[in-house]
Amino acid sequence: MQEYPTTQPLTDRAPLAEQPGVYSESALWYGRRVFVKTLVAEDPDSLARFQHEGRVAASLRHPLVASLLASRIASRSSIVR
């Protein structure tokens, strides 16, 4: 995963789906169109599964699989929809 020196806000955000515990959207980040998946559930099991999914996604290398650019844990109050 690439390290980015500063926090760049997401722009041109467009909601894609909302499922129980997960919110998905597309946005522009560092000038690139990205897919953003946000965990909104707060239980430890959901957080562990979400972090595991991120580690697995970061390890994948295939031309037909989107690369994981970054991940972070944010407080619920910092999530903007």
Protein backbone atom coordinates (compact mmCIF):
# COMPACT_ATOMS: atom_id res chain seq x y z
CA MET A 1 0.00 0.00 0.00
CA GLN A 2 1.29 3.44 -0.86
CA GLU A 3 1.88 5.91 1.95
CA TYR A 4 0.32 9.33 1.42
CA PRO A 5 1.95 12.20 3.34
CA THR A 6 -1.19 14.16 4.14
CA THR A 7 -4.86 13.50 4.49
CA GLN A 8 -6.53 14.45 1.24
CA PRO A 9 -10.29 14.96 1.46
CA LEU A 10 -12.58 12.99 -0.79
CA THR A 11 -14.38 15.05 -3.43
CA ASP A 12 -17.15 14.36 -5.92
CA ARG A 13 -18.64 11.75 -3.59
CA ALA A 14 -21.48 9.58 -4.88
CA PRO A 15 -23.26 6.97 -2.74
CA LEU A 16 -23.36 3.47 -4.22
CA ALA A 17 -24.94 1.26 -1.56
CA GLU A 18 -25.73 1.01 2.11
CA GLN A 19 -26.00 -2.38 3.71
CA PRO A 20 -26.29 -3.17 7.41
CA GLY A 21 -23.01 -2.00 8.92
CA VAL A 22 -21.31 -0.93 5.65
CA TYR A 23 -21.58 2.19 3.50
CA SER A 24 -20.13 2.25 -0.04
CA GLU A 25 -19.44 5.23 -2.29
CA SER A 26 -17.28 6.40 -5.17
CA ALA A 27 -15.22 9.58 -4.91
CA LEU A 28 -12.19 11.42 -6.21
CA TRP A 29 -9.03 11.13 -4.08
CA TYR A 30 -5.68 12.52 -5.18
CA GLY A 31 -7.27 13.00 -8.60
CA ARG A 32 -8.19 9.32 -8.95
CA ARG A 33 -11.67 7.79 -9.03
CA VAL A 34 -11.83 5.45 -6.02
CA PHE A 35 -14.29 3.13 -4.32
CA VAL A 36 -14.71 3.80 -0.60
CA LYS A 37 -16.07 1.23 1.81
CA THR A 38 -16.84 2.44 5.32
CA LEU A 39 -17.63 0.21 8.27
CA VAL A 40 -20.37 1.78 10.39
CA ALA A 41 -20.84 -1.11 12.83
CA GLU A 42 -18.94 -0.73 16.08
CA ASP A 43 -18.71 -4.26 17.42
CA PRO A 44 -15.23 -5.84 17.71
CA ASP A 45 -16.06 -8.85 15.49
CA SER A 46 -17.16 -6.62 12.60
CA LEU A 47 -14.04 -4.48 12.98
CA ALA A 48 -11.80 -7.58 12.98
CA ARG A 49 -13.48 -8.95 9.81
CA PHE A 50 -13.22 -5.54 8.10
CA GLN A 51 -9.50 -5.22 8.95
CA HIS A 52 -8.87 -8.79 7.75
CA GLU A 53 -10.66 -8.01 4.46
CA GLY A 54 -8.38 -4.96 4.05
CA ARG A 55 -5.22 -7.02 4.64
CA VAL A 56 -6.35 -9.65 2.13
CA ALA A 57 -7.28 -6.98 -0.45
CA ALA A 58 -3.88 -5.30 0.00
CA SER A 59 -2.11 -8.59 -0.71
CA LEU A 60 -3.89 -9.26 -4.02
CA ARG A 61 -2.11 -8.50 -7.30
CA HIS A 62 -4.12 -9.12 -10.46
CA PRO A 63 -5.04 -6.92 -13.43
CA LEU A 64 -8.75 -7.59 -12.89
CA VAL A 65 -8.74 -6.83 -9.16
CA ALA A 66 -8.81 -3.26 -7.88
CA SER A 67 -5.82 -2.37 -5.70
CA LEU A 68 -6.23 -1.22 -2.13
CA LEU A 69 -4.74 2.29 -2.03
CA ALA A 70 -5.13 3.11 1.65
CA SER A 71 -6.98 2.18 4.79
CA ARG A 72 -7.53 3.84 8.12
CA ILE A 73 -9.66 3.63 11.22
CA ALA A 74 -11.71 6.75 11.83
CA SER A 75 -14.01 7.77 14.61
CA ARG A 76 -17.71 7.56 13.84
CA SER A 77 -18.00 11.36 14.13
CA SER A 78 -15.44 11.86 11.30
CA ILE A 79 -17.52 9.96 8.75
CA VAL A 80 -19.25 12.37 6.40
CA ARG A 81 -22.12 11.18 4.22
